[in-house]
Amino acid sequence: MSISESEIRIAALEILAESPNGFMATADLIPALEEYFEPDGRDTEIIEGRADTYFSQKVRNLISHRESASGLTSTGYAIYDSRRRGLSITDAGRTFLRFGGD
C-alpha cells in the first residue's frame, strides 16, 4: 500500500520533534522517513526520467508544497529554512502532535 503525503507530514513532524533543535535538513529527512516507514512496492520504484523514488518525491513535496493549504509551513507546524535547506518544527507543530489530529 502506498504511503500518503498526509502520513508523511505527520511522521516528519514526529521526527523533527525528536531531532536536535527540532531541525532537520531535507537530505537527512528522506532517509529518516524511509527508516520510519520502510516503504515497499511502488513507493520504492524509481520515477521515469528521474533519480529518485516515488517515496522520496513525496518527501520532497513537503518542501515544494509547504505553502499549500495542508503544507507544514502554511499550517504553522514547521518553518522552512532556505539557507540550511530544511524544516524546523514550531510550538504549534508540537501541540498538534501532542493532541493529535490531521
PDB file of N, CA and C in Angstrom:
ATOM      1  N   MET A   1       0.839  -1.191   0.000  1.00  0.00           N
ATOM      2  CA  MET A   1       0.000   0.000   0.000  1.00  0.00           C
ATOM      3  C   MET A   1       0.878   1.246   0.000  1.00  0.00           C
ATOM      4  N   SER A   2       0.514   2.201  -0.787  1.00  0.00           N
ATOM      5  CA  SER A   2       1.276   3.431  -0.923  1.00  0.00           C
ATOM      6  C   SER A   2       1.121   4.310   0.326  1.00  0.00           C
ATOM      7  N   ILE A   3       2.195   4.942   0.697  1.00  0.00           N
ATOM      8  CA  ILE A   3       2.206   5.835   1.858  1.00  0.00           C
ATOM      9  C   ILE A   3       1.749   7.211   1.391  1.00  0.00           C
ATOM     10  N   SER A   4       0.785   7.789   2.100  1.00  0.00           N
ATOM     11  CA  SER A   4       0.219   9.072   1.684  1.00  0.00           C
ATOM     12  C   SER A   4       1.086  10.241   2.152  1.00  0.00           C
ATOM     13  N   GLU A   5       0.939  11.363   1.451  1.00  0.00           N
ATOM     14  CA  GLU A   5       1.666  12.572   1.857  1.00  0.00           C
ATOM     15  C   GLU A   5       1.201  13.035   3.229  1.00  0.00           C
ATOM     16  N   SER A   6      -0.052  12.819   3.572  1.00  0.00           N
ATOM     17  CA  SER A   6      -0.559  13.168   4.896  1.00  0.00           C
ATOM     18  C   SER A   6       0.167  12.370   5.984  1.00  0.00           C
ATOM     19  N   GLU A   7       0.336  11.070   5.747  1.00  0.00           N
ATOM     20  CA  GLU A   7       1.068  10.235   6.704  1.00  0.00           C
ATOM     21  C   GLU A   7       2.521  10.701   6.829  1.00  0.00           C
ATOM     22  N   ILE A   8       3.101  11.084   5.709  1.00  0.00           N
ATOM     23  CA  ILE A   8       4.485  11.554   5.708  1.00  0.00           C
ATOM     24  C   ILE A   8       4.610  12.867   6.483  1.00  0.00           C
ATOM     25  N   ARG A   9       3.646  13.770   6.318  1.00  0.00           N
ATOM     26  CA  ARG A   9       3.686  15.051   7.054  1.00  0.00           C
ATOM     27  C   ARG A   9       3.699  14.814   8.563  1.00  0.00           C
ATOM     28  N   ILE A  10       2.842  13.940   9.034  1.00  0.00           N
ATOM     29  CA  ILE A  10       2.769  13.666  10.475  1.00  0.00           C
ATOM     30  C   ILE A  10       4.058  13.015  10.966  1.00  0.00           C
ATOM     31  N   ALA A  11       4.554  12.031  10.239  1.00  0.00           N
ATOM     32  CA  ALA A  11       5.801  11.369  10.629  1.00  0.00           C
ATOM     33  C   ALA A  11       6.968  12.350  10.599  1.00  0.00           C
ATOM     34  N   ALA A  12       6.983  13.248   9.623  1.00  0.00           N
ATOM     35  CA  ALA A  12       8.048  14.250   9.551  1.00  0.00           C
ATOM     36  C   ALA A  12       8.034  15.128  10.798  1.00  0.00           C
ATOM     37  N   LEU A  13       6.848  15.526  11.242  1.00  0.00           N
ATOM     38  CA  LEU A  13       6.753  16.325  12.469  1.00  0.00           C
ATOM     39  C   LEU A  13       7.279  15.542  13.663  1.00  0.00           C
ATOM     40  N   GLU A  14       6.954  14.264  13.748  1.00  0.00           N
ATOM     41  CA  GLU A  14       7.444  13.428  14.846  1.00  0.00           C
ATOM     42  C   GLU A  14       8.968  13.354  14.836  1.00  0.00           C
ATOM     43  N   ILE A  15       9.539  13.194  13.652  1.00  0.00           N
ATOM     44  CA  ILE A  15      10.999  13.117  13.526  1.00  0.00           C
ATOM     45  C   ILE A  15      11.631  14.462  13.870  1.00  0.00           C
ATOM     46  N   LEU A  16      11.032  15.545  13.377  1.00  0.00           N
ATOM     47  CA  LEU A  16      11.555  16.874  13.701  1.00  0.00           C
ATOM     48  C   LEU A  16      11.511  17.127  15.209  1.00  0.00           C
ATOM     49  N   ALA A  17      10.437  16.700  15.846  1.00  0.00           N
ATOM     50  CA  ALA A  17      10.282  16.915  17.287  1.00  0.00           C
ATOM     51  C   ALA A  17      11.380  16.207  18.075  1.00  0.00           C
ATOM     52  N   GLU A  18      11.882  15.098  17.548  1.00  0.00           N
ATOM     53  CA  GLU A  18      12.905  14.327  18.244  1.00  0.00           C
ATOM     54  C   GLU A  18      14.327  14.715  17.835  1.00  0.00           C
ATOM     55  N   SER A  19      14.475  15.540  16.806  1.00  0.00           N
ATOM     56  CA  SER A  19      15.805  15.897  16.322  1.00  0.00           C
ATOM     57  C   SER A  19      16.363  17.085  17.116  1.00  0.00           C
ATOM     58  N   PRO A  20      17.699  17.223  17.137  1.00  0.00           N
ATOM     59  CA  PRO A  20      18.315  18.339  17.864  1.00  0.00           C
ATOM     60  C   PRO A  20      17.781  19.681  17.368  1.00  0.00           C
ATOM     61  N   ASN A  21      17.370  20.510  18.283  1.00  0.00           N
ATOM     62  CA  ASN A  21      16.820  21.836  17.983  1.00  0.00           C
ATOM     63  C   ASN A  21      15.567  21.792  17.120  1.00  0.00           C
ATOM     64  N   GLY A  22      14.971  20.603  16.934  1.00  0.00           N
ATOM     65  CA  GLY A  22      13.747  20.486  16.153  1.00  0.00           C
ATOM     66  C   GLY A  22      13.935  20.717  14.670  1.00  0.00           C
ATOM     67  N   PHE A  23      15.185  20.667  14.191  1.00  0.00           N
ATOM     68  CA  PHE A  23      15.503  20.933  12.784  1.00  0.00           C
ATOM     69  C   PHE A  23      16.066  19.687  12.118  1.00  0.00           C
ATOM     70  N   MET A  24      15.764  19.549  10.821  1.00  0.00           N
ATOM     71  CA  MET A  24      16.411  18.520  10.023  1.00  0.00           C
ATOM     72  C   MET A  24      16.446  18.987   8.570  1.00  0.00           C
ATOM     73  N   ALA A  25      17.609  18.834   7.937  1.00  0.00           N
ATOM     74  CA  ALA A  25      17.746  19.143   6.514  1.00  0.00           C
ATOM     75  C   ALA A  25      16.932  18.130   5.718  1.00  0.00           C
ATOM     76  N   THR A  26      16.411  18.560   4.586  1.00  0.00           N
ATOM     77  CA  THR A  26      15.632  17.673   3.726  1.00  0.00           C
ATOM     78  C   THR A  26      16.428  16.430   3.349  1.00  0.00           C
ATOM     79  N   ALA A  27      17.713  16.608   3.060  1.00  0.00           N
ATOM     80  CA  ALA A  27      18.562  15.475   2.674  1.00  0.00           C
ATOM     81  C   ALA A  27      18.651  14.429   3.781  1.00  0.00           C
ATOM     82  N   ASP A  28      18.496  14.843   5.038  1.00  0.00           N
ATOM     83  CA  ASP A  28      18.522  13.907   6.165  1.00  0.00           C
ATOM     84  C   ASP A  28      17.126  13.374   6.484  1.00  0.00           C
ATOM     85  N   LEU A  29      16.126  14.176   6.172  1.00  0.00           N
ATOM     86  CA  LEU A  29      14.746  13.777   6.458  1.00  0.00           C
ATOM     87  C   LEU A  29      14.306  12.604   5.579  1.00  0.00           C
ATOM     88  N   ILE A  30      14.747  12.573   4.335  1.00  0.00           N
ATOM     89  CA  ILE A  30      14.362  11.487   3.433  1.00  0.00           C
ATOM     90  C   ILE A  30      14.767  10.124   3.998  1.00  0.00           C
ATOM     91  N   PRO A  31      16.055   9.899   4.347  1.00  0.00           N
ATOM     92  CA  PRO A  31      16.406   8.585   4.897  1.00  0.00           C
ATOM     93  C   PRO A  31      15.757   8.309   6.255  1.00  0.00           C
ATOM     94  N   ALA A  32      15.540   9.345   7.049  1.00  0.00           N
ATOM     95  CA  ALA A  32      14.881   9.147   8.337  1.00  0.00           C
ATOM     96  C   ALA A  32      13.449   8.651   8.133  1.00  0.00           C
ATOM     97  N   LEU A  33      12.752   9.206   7.156  1.00  0.00           N
ATOM     98  CA  LEU A  33      11.386   8.776   6.861  1.00  0.00           C
ATOM     99  C   LEU A  33      11.364   7.408   6.185  1.00  0.00           C
ATOM    100  N   GLU A  34      12.388   7.114   5.386  1.00  0.00           N
ATOM    101  CA  GLU A  34      12.472   5.772   4.796  1.00  0.00           C
ATOM    102  C   GLU A  34      12.651   4.729   5.898  1.00  0.00           C
ATOM    103  N   GLU A  35      13.439   5.047   6.894  1.00  0.00           N
ATOM    104  CA  GLU A  35      13.616   4.124   8.024  1.00  0.00           C
ATOM    105  C   GLU A  35      12.318   3.990   8.818  1.00  0.00           C
ATOM    106  N   TYR A  36      11.619   5.089   9.001  1.00  0.00           N
ATOM    107  CA  TYR A  36      10.365   5.116   9.757  1.00  0.00           C
ATOM    108  C   TYR A  36       9.294   4.251   9.075  1.00  0.00           C
ATOM    109  N   PHE A  37       9.146   4.412   7.761  1.00  0.00           N
ATOM    110  CA  PHE A  37       8.073   3.732   7.033  1.00  0.00           C
ATOM    111  C   PHE A  37       8.467   2.403   6.402  1.00  0.00           C
ATOM    112  N   GLU A  38       9.734   2.246   6.072  1.00  0.00           N
ATOM    113  CA  GLU A  38      10.174   1.076   5.321  1.00  0.00           C
ATOM    114  C   GLU A  38       9.276   0.863   4.102  1.00  0.00           C
ATOM    115  N   PRO A  39       9.272   1.825   3.175  1.00  0.00           N
ATOM    116  CA  PRO A  39       8.378   1.733   2.010  1.00  0.00           C
ATOM    117  C   PRO A  39       8.656   0.504   1.158  1.00  0.00           C
ATOM    118  N   ASP A  40       7.616   0.069   0.461  1.00  0.00           N
ATOM    119  CA  ASP A  40       7.752  -1.050  -0.461  1.00  0.00           C
ATOM    120  C   ASP A  40       6.882  -0.787  -1.679  1.00  0.00           C
ATOM    121  N   GLY A  41       6.872  -1.729  -2.595  1.00  0.00           N
ATOM    122  CA  GLY A  41       6.029  -1.598  -3.781  1.00  0.00           C
ATOM    123  C   GLY A  41       6.367  -0.369  -4.596  1.00  0.00           C
ATOM    124  N   ARG A  42       5.344   0.258  -5.110  1.00  0.00           N
ATOM    125  CA  ARG A  42       5.514   1.432  -5.990  1.00  0.00           C
ATOM    126  C   ARG A  42       6.326   2.536  -5.331  1.00  0.00           C
ATOM    127  N   ASP A  43       6.197   2.715  -4.039  1.00  0.00           N
ATOM    128  CA  ASP A  43       6.946   3.775  -3.362  1.00  0.00           C
ATOM    129  C   ASP A  43       8.454   3.614  -3.510  1.00  0.00           C
ATOM    130  N   THR A  44       8.930   2.399  -3.779  1.00  0.00           N
ATOM    131  CA  THR A  44      10.367   2.162  -3.924  1.00  0.00           C
ATOM    132  C   THR A  44      10.838   2.230  -5.372  1.00  0.00           C
ATOM    133  N   GLU A  45       9.907   2.374  -6.304  1.00  0.00           N
ATOM    134  CA  GLU A  45      10.269   2.426  -7.717  1.00  0.00           C
ATOM    135  C   GLU A  45      10.869   3.789  -8.073  1.00  0.00           C
ATOM    136  N   ILE A  46      11.843   3.766  -8.967  1.00  0.00           N
ATOM    137  CA  ILE A  46      12.453   4.994  -9.468  1.00  0.00           C
ATOM    138  C   ILE A  46      11.496   5.630 -10.473  1.00  0.00           C
ATOM    139  N   ILE A  47      11.273   6.921 -10.332  1.00  0.00           N
ATOM    140  CA  ILE A  47      10.407   7.657 -11.255  1.00  0.00           C
ATOM    141  C   ILE A  47      11.104   7.755 -12.611  1.00  0.00           C
ATOM    142  N   GLU A  48      10.362   7.460 -13.666  1.00  0.00           N
ATOM    143  CA  GLU A  48      10.926   7.502 -15.012  1.00  0.00           C
ATOM    144  C   GLU A  48      11.520   8.884 -15.295  1.00  0.00           C
ATOM    145  N   GLY A  49      12.756   8.884 -15.764  1.00  0.00           N
ATOM    146  CA  GLY A  49      13.421  10.136 -16.099  1.00  0.00           C
ATOM    147  C   GLY A  49      13.990  10.881 -14.906  1.00  0.00           C
ATOM    148  N   ARG A  50      13.931  10.276 -13.728  1.00  0.00           N
ATOM    149  CA  ARG A  50      14.416  10.919 -12.505  1.00  0.00           C
ATOM    150  C   ARG A  50      15.386   9.981 -11.807  1.00  0.00           C
ATOM    151  N   ALA A  51      15.988  10.466 -10.757  1.00  0.00           N
ATOM    152  CA  ALA A  51      16.920   9.638  -9.979  1.00  0.00           C
ATOM    153  C   ALA A  51      16.337   9.279  -8.620  1.00  0.00           C
ATOM    154  N   ASP A  52      15.112   9.733  -8.340  1.00  0.00           N
ATOM    155  CA  ASP A  52      14.531   9.458  -7.027  1.00  0.00           C
ATOM    156  C   ASP A  52      13.314   8.545  -7.116  1.00  0.00           C
ATOM    157  N   THR A  53      12.960   7.981  -5.974  1.00  0.00           N
ATOM    158  CA  THR A  53      11.809   7.083  -5.898  1.00  0.00           C
ATOM    159  C   THR A  53      10.528   7.886  -5.713  1.00  0.00           C
ATOM    160  N   TYR A  54       9.404   7.199  -5.876  1.00  0.00           N
ATOM    161  CA  TYR A  54       8.118   7.849  -5.621  1.00  0.00           C
ATOM    162  C   TYR A  54       8.035   8.311  -4.167  1.00  0.00           C
ATOM    163  N   PHE A  55       8.588   7.509  -3.250  1.00  0.00           N
ATOM    164  CA  PHE A  55       8.551   7.889  -1.843  1.00  0.00           C
ATOM    165  C   PHE A  55       9.387   9.141  -1.591  1.00  0.00           C
ATOM    166  N   SER A  56      10.630   9.168  -2.092  1.00  0.00           N
ATOM    167  CA  SER A  56      11.470  10.344  -1.840  1.00  0.00           C
ATOM    168  C   SER A  56      10.866  11.592  -2.481  1.00  0.00           C
ATOM    169  N   GLN A  57      10.167  11.442  -3.588  1.00  0.00           N
ATOM    170  CA  GLN A  57       9.491  12.580  -4.197  1.00  0.00           C
ATOM    171  C   GLN A  57       8.385  13.102  -3.290  1.00  0.00           C
ATOM    172  N   LYS A  58       7.669  12.202  -2.634  1.00  0.00           N
ATOM    173  CA  LYS A  58       6.633  12.632  -1.688  1.00  0.00           C
ATOM    174  C   LYS A  58       7.253  13.428  -0.548  1.00  0.00           C
ATOM    175  N   VAL A  59       8.420  12.995  -0.081  1.00  0.00           N
ATOM    176  CA  VAL A  59       9.103  13.732   0.988  1.00  0.00           C
ATOM    177  C   VAL A  59       9.538  15.104   0.466  1.00  0.00           C
ATOM    178  N   ARG A  60      10.081  15.143  -0.734  1.00  0.00           N
ATOM    179  CA  ARG A  60      10.483  16.433  -1.314  1.00  0.00           C
ATOM    180  C   ARG A  60       9.268  17.357  -1.477  1.00  0.00           C
ATOM    181  N   ASN A  61       8.091  16.766  -1.693  1.00  0.00           N
ATOM    182  CA  ASN A  61       6.876  17.572  -1.794  1.00  0.00           C
ATOM    183  C   ASN A  61       6.556  18.299  -0.490  1.00  0.00           C
ATOM    184  N   LEU A  62       7.057  17.781   0.635  1.00  0.00           N
ATOM    185  CA  LEU A  62       6.885  18.509   1.899  1.00  0.00           C
ATOM    186  C   LEU A  62       7.450  19.916   1.767  1.00  0.00           C
ATOM    187  N   ILE A  63       8.557  20.015   1.052  1.00  0.00           N
ATOM    188  CA  ILE A  63       9.203  21.309   0.850  1.00  0.00           C
ATOM    189  C   ILE A  63       8.525  22.089  -0.270  1.00  0.00           C
ATOM    190  N   SER A  64       8.365  21.465  -1.422  1.00  0.00           N
ATOM    191  CA  SER A  64       7.824  22.194  -2.568  1.00  0.00           C
ATOM    192  C   SER A  64       6.355  22.577  -2.385  1.00  0.00           C
ATOM    193  N   HIS A  65       5.616  21.825  -1.594  1.00  0.00           N
ATOM    194  CA  HIS A  65       4.196  22.131  -1.349  1.00  0.00           C
ATOM    195  C   HIS A  65       3.967  22.741   0.029  1.00  0.00           C
ATOM    196  N   ARG A  66       5.012  23.244   0.641  1.00  0.00           N
ATOM    197  CA  ARG A  66       4.913  23.721   2.027  1.00  0.00           C
ATOM    198  C   ARG A  66       3.910  24.855   2.222  1.00  0.00           C
ATOM    199  N   GLU A  67       3.638  25.617   1.160  1.00  0.00           N
ATOM    200  CA  GLU A  67       2.693  26.734   1.277  1.00  0.00           C
ATOM    201  C   GLU A  67       1.274  26.359   0.854  1.00  0.00           C
ATOM    202  N   SER A  68       1.053  25.103   0.441  1.00  0.00           N
ATOM    203  CA  SER A  68      -0.302  24.675   0.078  1.00  0.00           C
ATOM    204  C   SER A  68      -1.159  24.641   1.345  1.00  0.00           C
ATOM    205  N   ALA A  69      -2.441  24.527   1.192  1.00  0.00           N
ATOM    206  CA  ALA A  69      -3.359  24.591   2.334  1.00  0.00           C
ATOM    207  C   ALA A  69      -3.006  23.610   3.448  1.00  0.00           C
ATOM    208  N   SER A  70      -2.537  22.407   3.098  1.00  0.00           N
ATOM    209  CA  SER A  70      -2.206  21.416   4.121  1.00  0.00           C
ATOM    210  C   SER A  70      -0.700  21.327   4.367  1.00  0.00           C
ATOM    211  N   GLY A  71       0.058  22.231   3.762  1.00  0.00           N
ATOM    212  CA  GLY A  71       1.509  22.217   3.906  1.00  0.00           C
ATOM    213  C   GLY A  71       1.961  22.513   5.328  1.00  0.00           C
ATOM    214  N   LEU A  72       3.144  22.038   5.661  1.00  0.00           N
ATOM    215  CA  LEU A  72       3.639  22.187   7.031  1.00  0.00           C
ATOM    216  C   LEU A  72       3.883  23.635   7.426  1.00  0.00           C
ATOM    217  N   THR A  73       4.282  24.496   6.492  1.00  0.00           N
ATOM    218  CA  THR A  73       4.502  25.889   6.870  1.00  0.00           C
ATOM    219  C   THR A  73       3.208  26.699   6.847  1.00  0.00           C
ATOM    220  N   SER A  74       2.327  26.418   5.890  1.00  0.00           N
ATOM    221  CA  SER A  74       1.072  27.182   5.847  1.00  0.00           C
ATOM    222  C   SER A  74       0.177  26.861   7.042  1.00  0.00           C
ATOM    223  N   THR A  75       0.302  25.643   7.589  1.00  0.00           N
ATOM    224  CA  THR A  75      -0.470  25.300   8.789  1.00  0.00           C
ATOM    225  C   THR A  75       0.203  25.832  10.055  1.00  0.00           C
ATOM    226  N   GLY A  76       1.437  26.289   9.915  1.00  0.00           N
ATOM    227  CA  GLY A  76       2.170  26.815  11.064  1.00  0.00           C
ATOM    228  C   GLY A  76       2.877  25.747  11.880  1.00  0.00           C
ATOM    229  N   TYR A  77       2.916  24.514  11.380  1.00  0.00           N
ATOM    230  CA  TYR A  77       3.523  23.410  12.128  1.00  0.00           C
ATOM    231  C   TYR A  77       5.036  23.330  11.966  1.00  0.00           C
ATOM    232  N   ALA A  78       5.562  23.983  10.926  1.00  0.00           N
ATOM    233  CA  ALA A  78       7.003  23.978  10.696  1.00  0.00           C
ATOM    234  C   ALA A  78       7.397  25.257   9.961  1.00  0.00           C
ATOM    235  N   ILE A  79       8.688  25.544  10.015  1.00  0.00           N
ATOM    236  CA  ILE A  79       9.267  26.686   9.311  1.00  0.00           C
ATOM    237  C   ILE A  79      10.349  26.134   8.387  1.00  0.00           C
ATOM    238  N   TYR A  80      10.359  26.616   7.140  1.00  0.00           N
ATOM    239  CA  TYR A  80      11.396  26.202   6.196  1.00  0.00           C
ATOM    240  C   TYR A  80      12.555  27.174   6.264  1.00  0.00           C
ATOM    241  N   ASP A  81      13.763  26.650   6.405  1.00  0.00           N
ATOM    242  CA  ASP A  81      14.979  27.452   6.423  1.00  0.00           C
ATOM    243  C   ASP A  81      15.690  27.220   5.102  1.00  0.00           C
ATOM    244  N   SER A  82      15.613  28.192   4.190  1.00  0.00           N
ATOM    245  CA  SER A  82      16.196  28.021   2.857  1.00  0.00           C
ATOM    246  C   SER A  82      17.717  27.993   2.906  1.00  0.00           C
ATOM    247  N   ARG A  83      18.314  28.646   3.874  1.00  0.00           N
ATOM    248  CA  ARG A  83      19.772  28.650   3.982  1.00  0.00           C
ATOM    249  C   ARG A  83      20.291  27.271   4.357  1.00  0.00           C
ATOM    250  N   ARG A  84      19.622  26.628   5.338  1.00  0.00           N
ATOM    251  CA  ARG A  84      20.046  25.295   5.772  1.00  0.00           C
ATOM    252  C   ARG A  84      19.308  24.180   5.024  1.00  0.00           C
ATOM    253  N   ARG A  85      18.350  24.571   4.183  1.00  0.00           N
ATOM    254  CA  ARG A  85      17.577  23.633   3.354  1.00  0.00           C
ATOM    255  C   ARG A  85      16.904  22.538   4.171  1.00  0.00           C
ATOM    256  N   GLY A  86      16.087  22.982   5.103  1.00  0.00           N
ATOM    257  CA  GLY A  86      15.381  22.020   5.926  1.00  0.00           C
ATOM    258  C   GLY A  86      14.239  22.646   6.696  1.00  0.00           C
ATOM    259  N   LEU A  87      13.627  21.830   7.547  1.00  0.00           N
ATOM    260  CA  LEU A  87      12.459  22.235   8.320  1.00  0.00           C
ATOM    261  C   LEU A  87      12.742  22.240   9.808  1.00  0.00           C
ATOM    262  N   SER A  88      12.095  23.183  10.500  1.00  0.00           N
ATOM    263  CA  SER A  88      12.106  23.223  11.961  1.00  0.00           C
ATOM    264  C   SER A  88      10.670  23.126  12.441  1.00  0.00           C
ATOM    265  N   ILE A  89      10.433  22.297  13.415  1.00  0.00           N
ATOM    266  CA  ILE A  89       9.089  22.194  13.992  1.00  0.00           C
ATOM    267  C   ILE A  89       8.822  23.425  14.861  1.00  0.00           C
ATOM    268  N   THR A  90       7.593  23.890  14.859  1.00  0.00           N
ATOM    269  CA  THR A  90       7.192  25.032  15.678  1.00  0.00           C
ATOM    270  C   THR A  90       6.464  24.530  16.928  1.00  0.00           C
ATOM    271  N   ASP A  91       6.171  25.461  17.831  1.00  0.00           N
ATOM    272  CA  ASP A  91       5.370  25.103  19.007  1.00  0.00           C
ATOM    273  C   ASP A  91       4.000  24.593  18.580  1.00  0.00           C
ATOM    274  N   ALA A  92       3.437  25.182  17.517  1.00  0.00           N
ATOM    275  CA  ALA A  92       2.136  24.715  17.007  1.00  0.00           C
ATOM    276  C   ALA A  92       2.239  23.282  16.502  1.00  0.00           C
ATOM    277  N   GLY A  93       3.357  22.935  15.866  1.00  0.00           N
ATOM    278  CA  GLY A  93       3.574  21.566  15.397  1.00  0.00           C
ATOM    279  C   GLY A  93       3.674  20.596  16.556  1.00  0.00           C
ATOM    280  N   ARG A  94       4.356  21.014  17.618  1.00  0.00           N
ATOM    281  CA  ARG A  94       4.472  20.156  18.808  1.00  0.00           C
ATOM    282  C   ARG A  94       3.104  19.969  19.478  1.00  0.00           C
ATOM    283  N   THR A  95       2.310  21.030  19.506  1.00  0.00           N
ATOM    284  CA  THR A  95       0.960  20.945  20.074  1.00  0.00           C
ATOM    285  C   THR A  95       0.099  20.004  19.230  1.00  0.00           C
ATOM    286  N   PHE A  96       0.190  20.111  17.925  1.00  0.00           N
ATOM    287  CA  PHE A  96      -0.542  19.219  17.027  1.00  0.00           C
ATOM    288  C   PHE A  96      -0.224  17.771  17.327  1.00  0.00           C
ATOM    289  N   LEU A  97       1.056  17.455  17.494  1.00  0.00           N
ATOM    290  CA  LEU A  97       1.466  16.076  17.787  1.00  0.00           C
ATOM    291  C   LEU A  97       0.938  15.615  19.158  1.00  0.00           C
ATOM    292  N   ARG A  98       0.988  16.514  20.115  1.00  0.00           N
ATOM    293  CA  ARG A  98       0.559  16.167  21.469  1.00  0.00           C
ATOM    294  C   ARG A  98      -0.933  15.857  21.533  1.00  0.00           C
ATOM    295  N   PHE A  99      -1.724  16.607  20.780  1.00  0.00           N
ATOM    296  CA  PHE A  99      -3.173  16.461  20.868  1.00  0.00           C
ATOM    297  C   PHE A  99      -3.791  15.749  19.672  1.00  0.00           C
ATOM    298  N   GLY A 100      -2.964  15.335  18.719  1.00  0.00           N
ATOM    299  CA  GLY A 100      -3.450  14.566  17.581  1.00  0.00           C
ATOM    300  C   GLY A 100      -4.202  15.387  16.585  1.00  0.00           C
ATOM    301  N   GLY A 101      -4.676  14.719  15.578  1.00  0.00           N
ATOM    302  CA  GLY A 101      -5.430  15.394  14.516  1.00  0.00           C
ATOM    303  C   GLY A 101      -4.734  15.212  13.198  1.00  0.00           C
ATOM    304  N   ASP A 102      -5.405  15.624  12.163  1.00  0.00           N
ATOM    305  CA  ASP A 102      -4.834  15.536  10.820  1.00  0.00           C
ATOM    306  C   ASP A 102      -5.359  16.657   9.974  1.00  0.00           C
TER     307      ASP A 102
END
